[in-house]
N, C-alpha and C. Protein backbone atom coordinates (compact mmCIF):
# COMPACT_ATOMS: atom_id res chain seq x y z
N MET A 1 7.28 12.50 0.54
CA MET A 1 7.88 12.43 2.08
C MET A 1 6.49 13.30 2.75
N ILE A 2 5.70 12.71 4.18
CA ILE A 2 5.11 13.17 4.78
C ILE A 2 5.38 13.23 5.94
N SER A 3 5.57 14.63 6.31
CA SER A 3 5.55 15.18 7.69
C SER A 3 4.60 16.40 8.11
N LEU A 4 5.00 16.91 9.67
CA LEU A 4 4.25 17.77 10.70
C LEU A 4 3.92 18.87 10.07
N SER A 5 3.04 19.78 9.84
CA SER A 5 3.20 20.75 9.48
C SER A 5 2.99 21.83 10.56
N GLU A 6 2.88 21.20 11.58
CA GLU A 6 2.60 22.09 12.81
C GLU A 6 2.97 20.75 14.03
N ILE A 7 3.35 20.88 15.20
CA ILE A 7 2.75 20.09 16.11
C ILE A 7 1.52 19.89 16.27
N GLN A 8 1.37 18.44 16.67
CA GLN A 8 -0.45 18.05 16.80
C GLN A 8 -0.46 17.73 18.15
N PRO A 9 -1.84 17.55 18.70
CA PRO A 9 -1.54 16.68 19.78
C PRO A 9 -1.76 15.13 19.53
N ALA A 10 -0.56 14.75 19.95
CA ALA A 10 -0.66 13.05 19.27
C ALA A 10 -1.93 12.27 19.54
N GLY A 11 -2.37 12.54 20.62
CA GLY A 11 -3.13 11.21 20.63
C GLY A 11 -2.29 10.08 21.28
N SER A 12 -3.16 9.03 22.10
CA SER A 12 -1.92 7.60 22.77
C SER A 12 -1.69 6.92 21.38
N GLU A 13 -0.87 6.38 21.49
CA GLU A 13 -0.31 5.27 20.30
C GLU A 13 -1.64 4.17 20.02
N GLY A 14 -1.55 4.06 21.17
CA GLY A 14 -2.64 2.70 21.58
C GLY A 14 -4.13 2.74 21.03
N ASP A 15 -4.17 3.90 20.40
CA ASP A 15 -5.64 4.07 19.46
C ASP A 15 -5.44 4.25 18.53
N LEU A 16 -4.65 4.26 17.66
CA LEU A 16 -3.78 4.11 16.56
C LEU A 16 -5.01 3.11 15.50
N ILE A 17 -5.18 1.87 16.23
CA ILE A 17 -5.64 1.04 15.21
C ILE A 17 -7.41 1.47 15.26
N SER A 18 -7.70 1.60 16.39
CA SER A 18 -9.15 1.43 16.08
C SER A 18 -9.77 3.20 15.87
N ARG A 19 -8.84 3.96 15.57
CA ARG A 19 -8.93 5.11 14.71
C ARG A 19 -9.00 4.79 13.40
N VAL A 20 -8.18 4.16 13.22
CA VAL A 20 -7.67 3.56 11.46
C VAL A 20 -9.23 2.65 11.14
N GLU A 21 -9.35 2.00 11.77
CA GLU A 21 -10.63 1.07 11.81
C GLU A 21 -11.78 1.87 11.53
N ASN A 22 -11.84 3.43 12.34
CA ASN A 22 -13.02 4.00 12.38
C ASN A 22 -12.88 4.93 11.48
N ILE A 23 -12.05 5.38 10.95
CA ILE A 23 -12.00 6.00 9.78
C ILE A 23 -12.26 5.55 8.22
N PHE A 24 -12.33 4.38 8.64
CA PHE A 24 -12.30 3.38 6.95
C PHE A 24 -13.55 2.39 7.50
N SER A 25 -14.34 3.11 8.31
CA SER A 25 -15.99 2.37 8.21
C SER A 25 -16.48 2.76 7.51
N PRO A 26 -18.14 2.13 7.57
CA PRO A 26 -19.03 2.84 6.56
C PRO A 26 -19.58 3.89 7.03
N THR A 27 -19.43 4.50 8.20
CA THR A 27 -19.79 5.67 8.80
C THR A 27 -18.38 6.44 8.90
N GLY A 28 -17.26 6.40 9.04
CA GLY A 28 -16.07 7.24 9.37
C GLY A 28 -16.44 8.38 8.30
N ILE A 29 -15.15 9.25 8.78
CA ILE A 29 -14.58 10.77 7.92
C ILE A 29 -14.63 10.10 6.24
N LEU A 30 -14.04 8.99 5.96
CA LEU A 30 -13.74 8.77 4.66
C LEU A 30 -14.91 8.77 4.08
N ALA A 31 -16.27 8.22 4.42
CA ALA A 31 -17.44 7.71 4.02
C ALA A 31 -18.22 9.30 3.21
N ARG A 32 -17.51 9.97 4.13
CA ARG A 32 -17.86 11.49 3.33
C ARG A 32 -17.32 11.78 2.30
N ALA A 33 -16.34 11.30 2.27
CA ALA A 33 -15.03 11.99 1.14
C ALA A 33 -16.15 11.41 -0.53
N LYS A 34 -15.51 12.63 -1.22
CA LYS A 34 -16.47 12.55 -2.52
C LYS A 34 -15.61 10.97 -3.07
N ASN A 35 -16.54 10.19 -4.22
CA ASN A 35 -16.15 8.82 -4.66
C ASN A 35 -15.82 7.68 -3.63
N PHE A 36 -15.76 7.44 -2.41
CA PHE A 36 -15.20 6.77 -1.54
C PHE A 36 -16.41 6.28 -1.12
N GLU A 37 -15.77 4.39 -1.03
CA GLU A 37 -17.12 3.58 -1.28
C GLU A 37 -16.63 2.07 -0.29
N PHE A 38 -17.33 2.26 1.02
CA PHE A 38 -16.67 1.28 1.93
C PHE A 38 -16.14 -0.23 1.21
N ARG A 39 -15.00 -0.51 1.55
CA ARG A 39 -14.67 -1.90 1.35
C ARG A 39 -13.73 -2.71 2.30
N PRO A 40 -14.39 -3.68 2.43
CA PRO A 40 -14.30 -4.04 4.02
C PRO A 40 -12.82 -4.93 3.80
N GLN A 41 -11.98 -5.46 2.67
CA GLN A 41 -10.41 -5.54 2.17
C GLN A 41 -9.22 -4.06 2.82
N GLN A 42 -10.16 -2.91 2.38
CA GLN A 42 -9.51 -1.97 2.16
C GLN A 42 -9.34 -1.70 4.12
N GLN A 43 -10.45 -1.73 4.33
CA GLN A 43 -10.28 -1.53 6.02
C GLN A 43 -9.50 -2.79 6.75
N GLN A 44 -9.55 -3.63 6.00
CA GLN A 44 -8.73 -4.85 7.06
C GLN A 44 -7.34 -4.63 7.00
N MET A 45 -7.05 -4.38 5.42
CA MET A 45 -5.46 -3.66 5.09
C MET A 45 -4.73 -2.26 5.99
N ALA A 46 -5.82 -1.49 5.93
CA ALA A 46 -5.43 -0.54 6.67
C ALA A 46 -5.10 -0.68 8.48
N VAL A 47 -5.72 -1.54 9.01
CA VAL A 47 -5.86 -1.66 10.33
C VAL A 47 -4.67 -2.91 10.39
N ALA A 48 -4.06 -3.80 9.25
CA ALA A 48 -3.07 -4.36 9.50
C ALA A 48 -2.08 -3.61 8.85
N VAL A 49 -1.76 -2.37 8.71
CA VAL A 49 -1.23 -1.88 8.48
C VAL A 49 -0.52 -0.57 10.18
N ALA A 50 -1.73 -0.33 10.44
CA ALA A 50 -1.57 0.57 11.52
C ALA A 50 -0.83 -0.37 12.93
N HIS A 51 -1.73 -1.54 13.05
CA HIS A 51 -0.98 -2.97 13.67
C HIS A 51 0.56 -2.86 13.42
N ALA A 52 0.76 -3.26 12.12
CA ALA A 52 2.36 -3.39 11.93
C ALA A 52 3.28 -1.96 12.34
N LEU A 53 2.62 -0.81 12.58
CA LEU A 53 3.45 0.37 12.63
C LEU A 53 3.65 0.79 14.16
N GLN A 54 2.63 0.01 14.47
CA GLN A 54 2.00 -0.17 15.97
C GLN A 54 2.98 -0.73 17.28
N SER A 55 3.26 -1.63 16.17
CA SER A 55 4.21 -3.09 16.73
C SER A 55 5.33 -3.09 15.85
N ARG A 56 5.61 -2.42 15.41
CA ARG A 56 7.27 -2.23 14.47
C ARG A 56 7.72 -3.29 13.84
N GLU A 57 6.45 -3.96 13.27
CA GLU A 57 6.86 -5.21 12.43
C GLU A 57 6.98 -4.79 10.88
N HIS A 58 7.02 -5.76 10.39
CA HIS A 58 6.92 -5.62 9.03
C HIS A 58 5.78 -6.46 8.54
N LEU A 59 4.90 -5.41 7.06
CA LEU A 59 4.19 -6.28 6.73
C LEU A 59 4.02 -5.96 5.13
N ALA A 60 3.84 -7.30 4.41
CA ALA A 60 3.35 -7.64 2.99
C ALA A 60 2.18 -7.79 3.17
N VAL A 61 1.55 -7.19 2.28
CA VAL A 61 0.16 -7.01 1.27
C VAL A 61 0.48 -7.45 0.12
N GLU A 62 -1.28 -8.37 -0.18
CA GLU A 62 -1.24 -8.85 -1.54
C GLU A 62 -2.72 -8.35 -1.39
N ALA A 63 -2.96 -7.47 -2.70
CA ALA A 63 -4.93 -6.58 -2.93
C ALA A 63 -4.81 -7.17 -4.46
N GLY A 64 -5.74 -7.20 -4.94
CA GLY A 64 -6.04 -6.65 -5.81
C GLY A 64 -6.49 -5.49 -6.62
N THR A 65 -6.83 -4.92 -7.69
CA THR A 65 -6.88 -3.73 -8.23
C THR A 65 -8.60 -3.34 -7.34
N GLY A 66 -8.72 -2.24 -7.25
CA GLY A 66 -9.49 -1.29 -6.52
C GLY A 66 -9.88 -1.72 -4.89
N VAL A 67 -8.97 -1.98 -4.69
CA VAL A 67 -9.29 -2.54 -3.02
C VAL A 67 -9.05 -0.90 -2.44
N GLY A 68 -8.17 -0.75 -3.01
CA GLY A 68 -7.82 0.81 -2.30
C GLY A 68 -6.53 0.95 -1.53
N LYS A 69 -5.30 0.24 -1.79
CA LYS A 69 -4.48 -0.03 -1.23
C LYS A 69 -3.59 1.31 -0.64
N SER A 70 -3.90 2.33 -1.81
CA SER A 70 -2.84 3.83 -1.34
C SER A 70 -3.41 4.34 -0.24
N LEU A 71 -4.77 4.35 -0.25
CA LEU A 71 -5.42 4.68 0.93
C LEU A 71 -5.52 4.32 2.20
N ALA A 72 -5.03 2.87 2.10
CA ALA A 72 -5.35 1.96 3.24
C ALA A 72 -3.72 2.00 3.94
N TYR A 73 -2.81 1.81 2.99
CA TYR A 73 -1.36 2.32 4.06
C TYR A 73 -1.06 4.01 3.89
N LEU A 74 -1.49 5.22 3.70
CA LEU A 74 -1.47 6.19 3.83
C LEU A 74 -2.24 6.81 5.48
N VAL A 75 -3.41 6.60 5.55
CA VAL A 75 -4.01 6.81 6.42
C VAL A 75 -2.96 6.61 7.84
N PRO A 76 -2.80 5.29 7.78
CA PRO A 76 -2.45 4.96 8.93
C PRO A 76 -1.01 5.18 9.06
N ALA A 77 -0.21 5.64 7.89
CA ALA A 77 1.39 5.86 8.05
C ALA A 77 1.14 7.74 8.55
N ILE A 78 0.43 8.27 8.07
CA ILE A 78 0.13 9.58 8.57
C ILE A 78 -0.20 10.04 9.72
N LEU A 79 -1.32 9.39 10.21
CA LEU A 79 -1.45 8.97 12.10
C LEU A 79 -0.45 8.25 12.49
N TYR A 80 0.28 7.33 12.24
CA TYR A 80 1.61 7.19 13.40
C TYR A 80 2.58 7.94 13.18
N ALA A 81 3.21 9.06 12.01
CA ALA A 81 3.86 9.92 11.86
C ALA A 81 3.80 10.84 12.46
N ILE A 82 2.70 11.48 12.52
CA ILE A 82 1.95 12.61 13.57
C ILE A 82 2.06 12.00 14.86
N ALA A 83 1.51 10.96 15.17
CA ALA A 83 1.58 10.52 16.85
C ALA A 83 3.13 10.29 17.14
N ASN A 84 4.04 10.08 16.46
CA ASN A 84 5.20 9.74 17.08
C ASN A 84 6.49 11.12 16.57
N ARG A 85 5.87 11.94 16.03
CA ARG A 85 6.49 12.94 15.42
C ARG A 85 7.75 12.45 14.93
N LYS A 86 7.57 11.60 13.64
CA LYS A 86 8.38 11.41 12.53
C LYS A 86 7.94 11.39 11.32
N LYS A 87 8.85 11.05 10.03
CA LYS A 87 8.35 11.00 8.86
C LYS A 87 8.13 10.05 8.21
N ALA A 88 7.17 9.58 7.62
CA ALA A 88 6.82 8.90 7.12
C ALA A 88 7.57 8.89 5.07
N VAL A 89 8.02 8.04 4.76
CA VAL A 89 8.58 7.60 3.69
C VAL A 89 8.09 6.97 2.67
N VAL A 90 6.88 6.83 1.68
CA VAL A 90 6.27 6.22 0.52
C VAL A 90 7.24 5.47 -0.50
N SER A 91 7.75 4.39 -0.94
CA SER A 91 8.54 4.54 -2.04
C SER A 91 7.95 3.83 -2.90
N THR A 92 7.47 4.43 -4.25
CA THR A 92 6.57 3.45 -4.82
C THR A 92 7.72 2.98 -6.35
N HIS A 93 6.93 1.96 -7.14
CA HIS A 93 8.08 1.64 -8.20
C HIS A 93 7.13 2.46 -9.23
N THR A 94 6.86 3.44 -9.39
CA THR A 94 6.53 3.89 -10.67
C THR A 94 6.57 5.61 -10.34
N ILE A 95 6.72 6.33 -11.39
CA ILE A 95 6.39 7.67 -11.09
C ILE A 95 4.96 8.05 -11.42
N ASN A 96 4.63 8.00 -11.92
CA ASN A 96 2.91 7.61 -12.39
C ASN A 96 2.18 7.32 -11.00
N LEU A 97 2.81 6.44 -9.95
CA LEU A 97 2.26 6.54 -8.91
C LEU A 97 2.30 7.10 -8.02
N GLN A 98 3.70 7.78 -7.58
CA GLN A 98 3.40 8.80 -6.95
C GLN A 98 2.87 10.16 -7.56
N GLU A 99 2.96 10.26 -8.32
CA GLU A 99 1.86 11.50 -9.08
C GLU A 99 0.52 11.43 -8.46
N GLN A 100 -0.04 10.09 -8.99
CA GLN A 100 -1.51 9.47 -8.48
C GLN A 100 -1.56 10.33 -6.61
N LEU A 101 -0.20 9.71 -5.81
CA LEU A 101 -0.32 9.81 -4.39
C LEU A 101 -0.25 11.53 -4.30
N THR A 102 0.61 12.04 -4.72
CA THR A 102 0.57 13.47 -4.51
C THR A 102 -0.01 14.34 -5.53
N GLU A 103 -0.86 14.06 -6.57
CA GLU A 103 -1.80 15.13 -7.31
C GLU A 103 -3.40 14.73 -6.50
N LYS A 104 -3.58 13.80 -5.78
CA LYS A 104 -4.95 13.11 -5.87
C LYS A 104 -4.99 12.48 -4.45
N ASP A 105 -4.52 11.45 -4.11
CA ASP A 105 -4.93 10.61 -2.54
C ASP A 105 -4.14 11.93 -1.95
N LEU A 106 -3.09 12.20 -1.68
CA LEU A 106 -2.47 13.21 -0.47
C LEU A 106 -3.33 14.54 -0.36
N PRO A 107 -3.51 15.00 -1.50
CA PRO A 107 -4.42 16.46 -1.15
C PRO A 107 -5.95 16.27 -0.46
N MET A 108 -6.22 14.61 -0.93
CA MET A 108 -7.89 14.92 -0.71
C MET A 108 -8.09 14.33 0.84
N LEU A 109 -6.39 13.49 0.94
CA LEU A 109 -6.54 12.93 2.79
C LEU A 109 -6.32 14.15 3.73
N ALA A 110 -5.60 15.01 2.81
CA ALA A 110 -5.07 16.46 3.71
C ALA A 110 -7.03 17.27 3.99
N SER A 111 -7.32 17.30 2.92
CA SER A 111 -8.63 17.70 3.39
C SER A 111 -9.89 16.93 4.30
N VAL A 112 -9.54 15.73 4.14
CA VAL A 112 -10.72 14.99 4.72
C VAL A 112 -10.07 15.06 6.41
N LEU A 113 -8.93 14.87 6.23
CA LEU A 113 -8.22 14.37 8.18
C LEU A 113 -8.37 15.58 8.59
N GLY A 114 -8.14 17.01 7.82
CA GLY A 114 -7.96 18.56 8.63
C GLY A 114 -9.20 18.79 8.97
N ALA A 115 -10.40 17.98 8.16
CA ALA A 115 -12.20 17.99 8.79
C ALA A 115 -12.39 16.88 10.28
N LEU A 116 -11.67 16.26 10.84
CA LEU A 116 -11.44 15.68 11.94
C LEU A 116 -11.79 16.49 13.42
N PRO A 117 -12.53 16.10 14.54
CA PRO A 117 -12.27 16.86 15.43
C PRO A 117 -10.98 17.14 15.76
N GLU A 118 -10.57 16.92 15.84
CA GLU A 118 -9.07 17.32 16.13
C GLU A 118 -8.30 16.96 14.93
N PRO A 119 -8.21 18.03 13.66
CA PRO A 119 -7.45 17.99 12.49
C PRO A 119 -6.02 17.49 12.45
N VAL A 120 -6.01 16.73 11.51
CA VAL A 120 -4.42 15.90 11.08
C VAL A 120 -4.50 16.96 10.15
N LYS A 121 -3.07 17.59 10.62
CA LYS A 121 -2.62 18.83 9.65
C LYS A 121 -0.96 17.66 9.57
N PHE A 122 -0.44 17.77 7.79
CA PHE A 122 0.14 17.03 7.63
C PHE A 122 0.84 17.83 6.33
N ASN A 123 2.13 17.65 5.82
CA ASN A 123 3.14 18.11 4.45
C ASN A 123 3.29 17.22 3.80
N PHE A 124 3.48 17.13 2.30
CA PHE A 124 4.02 16.07 1.73
C PHE A 124 4.57 16.68 0.23
N THR A 125 5.98 16.04 0.03
CA THR A 125 6.20 16.35 -1.38
C THR A 125 6.59 14.81 -2.31
N MET A 126 6.95 14.98 -3.46
CA MET A 126 7.49 13.76 -3.95
C MET A 126 8.56 14.19 -4.21
N LEU A 127 9.42 12.41 -4.43
CA LEU A 127 11.23 13.04 -4.47
C LEU A 127 10.84 11.79 -5.61
N LYS A 128 11.88 12.03 -6.66
CA LYS A 128 11.97 11.17 -7.48
C LYS A 128 13.71 10.81 -7.64
N GLY A 129 13.79 9.74 -8.18
CA GLY A 129 15.59 8.82 -8.12
C GLY A 129 16.19 10.11 -9.11
N ARG A 130 17.49 10.44 -8.71
CA ARG A 130 18.62 11.45 -9.04
C ARG A 130 18.64 11.41 -10.63
N ALA A 131 18.20 10.37 -11.55
CA ALA A 131 18.12 10.15 -12.87
C ALA A 131 17.27 11.17 -13.48
N ASN A 132 16.15 11.53 -12.46
CA ASN A 132 14.97 12.48 -12.77
C ASN A 132 14.98 13.86 -12.60
N TYR A 133 16.34 14.48 -12.56
CA TYR A 133 16.19 16.06 -12.02
C TYR A 133 17.83 16.33 -12.74
N VAL A 134 18.03 17.51 -13.35
CA VAL A 134 18.98 18.17 -13.65
C VAL A 134 20.30 18.09 -13.03
N CYS A 135 21.45 17.88 -13.50
CA CYS A 135 22.36 17.92 -12.49
C CYS A 135 23.09 19.58 -12.73
N THR A 136 22.78 20.51 -11.94
CA THR A 136 23.48 21.66 -12.29
C THR A 136 24.39 21.91 -12.22
N ARG A 137 25.37 21.00 -12.04
CA ARG A 137 26.84 21.18 -12.19
C ARG A 137 27.48 20.59 -13.28
N ARG A 138 26.70 19.94 -13.74
CA ARG A 138 27.07 19.12 -15.13
C ARG A 138 26.62 19.83 -16.05
N LEU A 139 25.46 20.32 -15.69
CA LEU A 139 24.79 21.48 -16.88
C LEU A 139 25.78 23.04 -17.57
N HIS A 140 26.16 22.92 -15.87
CA HIS A 140 26.98 24.69 -16.02
C HIS A 140 28.31 23.60 -16.42
N LYS A 141 29.30 22.87 -16.68
CA LYS A 141 30.41 22.54 -16.62
C LYS A 141 29.94 22.04 -18.38
N ALA A 142 28.86 21.67 -18.76
CA ALA A 142 28.79 21.53 -20.34
C ALA A 142 28.59 22.70 -21.22
N MET A 143 28.20 23.83 -20.67
CA MET A 143 27.88 24.80 -21.16
C MET A 143 29.25 25.80 -21.49
N GLN A 144 29.94 25.71 -20.31
CA GLN A 144 31.45 26.10 -20.33
C GLN A 144 32.23 25.33 -21.90
N GLN A 145 31.78 24.05 -21.66
CA GLN A 145 32.86 23.65 -22.68
C GLN A 145 31.83 23.23 -23.71
N SER A 146 31.14 23.73 -24.39
CA SER A 146 29.73 23.34 -25.57
C SER A 146 30.15 24.00 -26.87
N GLY A 147 31.49 24.63 -26.86
CA GLY A 147 31.88 25.40 -27.80
C GLY A 147 33.02 23.82 -28.74
N ASN A 148 33.72 23.23 -27.76
CA ASN A 148 34.28 22.90 -28.38
C ASN A 148 33.96 20.85 -27.85
N LEU A 149 32.66 20.50 -27.52
CA LEU A 149 32.20 19.33 -27.54
C LEU A 149 30.98 18.92 -28.17
N PHE A 150 30.38 19.95 -28.70
CA PHE A 150 29.02 20.01 -29.37
C PHE A 150 28.70 20.49 -30.89
N THR A 151 27.98 19.88 -31.61
CA THR A 151 27.58 20.21 -32.79
C THR A 151 26.70 21.73 -32.26
N SER A 152 26.31 22.42 -33.49
CA SER A 152 25.95 23.81 -33.27
C SER A 152 23.90 23.45 -32.91
N SER A 153 23.58 22.23 -33.48
CA SER A 153 22.25 21.91 -33.40
C SER A 153 22.64 21.31 -31.54
N GLU A 154 23.14 20.68 -31.10
CA GLU A 154 23.19 20.09 -29.73
C GLU A 154 23.71 21.44 -28.74
N ALA A 155 24.29 22.51 -29.40
CA ALA A 155 24.54 23.63 -28.67
C ALA A 155 23.80 24.23 -28.06
N LYS A 156 22.44 24.47 -29.04
CA LYS A 156 21.33 25.06 -29.10
C LYS A 156 20.41 24.56 -27.92
N GLU A 157 20.16 22.99 -28.16
CA GLU A 157 19.61 22.01 -27.19
C GLU A 157 20.05 22.73 -25.84
N LEU A 158 21.42 22.47 -25.92
CA LEU A 158 21.72 22.56 -24.29
C LEU A 158 21.67 23.89 -23.75
N ARG A 159 21.71 25.02 -24.79
CA ARG A 159 20.55 25.98 -24.15
C ARG A 159 19.56 26.48 -23.69
N ARG A 160 18.93 25.71 -24.59
CA ARG A 160 17.11 25.54 -24.08
C ARG A 160 17.29 24.35 -23.10
N ILE A 161 18.38 23.68 -22.46
CA ILE A 161 18.35 22.85 -21.23
C ILE A 161 18.45 24.17 -20.16
N ALA A 162 19.81 24.84 -20.63
CA ALA A 162 20.07 25.70 -19.43
C ALA A 162 18.95 26.95 -19.27
N GLU A 163 17.91 27.70 -19.68
CA GLU A 163 17.12 28.30 -19.80
C GLU A 163 15.91 27.71 -19.11
N TRP A 164 15.57 26.50 -19.31
CA TRP A 164 14.63 25.73 -18.42
C TRP A 164 15.06 25.24 -17.04
N SER A 165 16.71 25.68 -17.20
CA SER A 165 16.87 25.02 -15.85
C SER A 165 17.01 26.22 -14.79
N LYS A 166 16.80 27.26 -15.28
CA LYS A 166 16.26 28.88 -14.90
C LYS A 166 14.81 29.28 -14.15
N GLN A 167 13.79 27.93 -15.00
CA GLN A 167 12.49 28.36 -14.78
C GLN A 167 11.60 27.22 -14.15
N THR A 168 12.33 26.03 -13.64
CA THR A 168 11.46 25.14 -13.11
C THR A 168 11.35 24.95 -11.99
N LYS A 169 10.39 24.71 -11.46
CA LYS A 169 10.34 24.86 -10.30
C LYS A 169 10.74 23.26 -9.17
N ASP A 170 11.06 22.58 -9.97
CA ASP A 170 11.45 21.46 -8.86
C ASP A 170 12.74 20.49 -9.62
N GLY A 171 13.09 20.96 -11.03
CA GLY A 171 14.49 20.68 -11.69
C GLY A 171 14.00 19.10 -12.33
N SER A 172 12.40 18.37 -12.10
CA SER A 172 12.49 17.10 -12.59
C SER A 172 12.16 17.21 -14.18
N LEU A 173 13.06 16.55 -14.53
CA LEU A 173 13.19 16.59 -16.38
C LEU A 173 11.53 16.14 -17.13
N SER A 174 10.67 15.91 -16.02
CA SER A 174 9.10 15.26 -16.27
C SER A 174 8.33 16.98 -17.09
N ASP A 175 8.95 17.94 -16.16
CA ASP A 175 9.03 19.59 -16.20
C ASP A 175 8.93 20.02 -17.47
N PHE A 176 9.84 19.29 -18.48
CA PHE A 176 10.11 19.62 -20.06
C PHE A 176 8.78 19.81 -20.55
N ASP A 177 8.39 20.81 -21.56
CA ASP A 177 7.20 20.79 -22.30
C ASP A 177 7.89 19.90 -23.49
N VAL A 178 8.68 19.45 -23.79
CA VAL A 178 9.44 18.74 -24.98
C VAL A 178 10.65 18.70 -24.63
N GLU A 179 10.64 16.95 -24.38
CA GLU A 179 11.94 16.64 -23.64
C GLU A 179 12.91 16.40 -24.59
N PRO A 180 14.38 16.94 -24.13
CA PRO A 180 15.14 17.54 -24.79
C PRO A 180 15.93 16.29 -25.50
N ASP A 181 16.40 16.79 -26.79
CA ASP A 181 17.37 15.47 -27.44
C ASP A 181 18.33 14.54 -26.34
């Protein structure tokens, strides 16, 4: 989820398309970013996303590997969300793509967009489906009944999970060093 980190001067909604087109141009701010390579297809997609957001229309895009789809939808979504004081939610098919967005793409964009003449500042976080998190209520209940329900090795594993749950930063099961049995 992407949200404002502070109240921003929004600019006019009408310039969203031109701002996006400029950001993705061969001389735009992204061109100064490390490892950025101008791709006309990426710019075209980013402009189409900006237009769809501005027009409140649906958009389906098919683009090959290497086009830069993530940045092409993230930049317009961020600018639109800030200009309209809204949140942007990006849903992905895989956790790997979520991790790429939150560990690589969004931090890079925070730096690049923060260097604009009118800095664009935003926050983001990753949310996974509920099956990826420990349920503290169920864990507590299992701990209370562990003597009756589990073998000694299972009870030991349950205690390891309980100890982990006190130290984890986000409660995500991917936070385990060794996944529980």
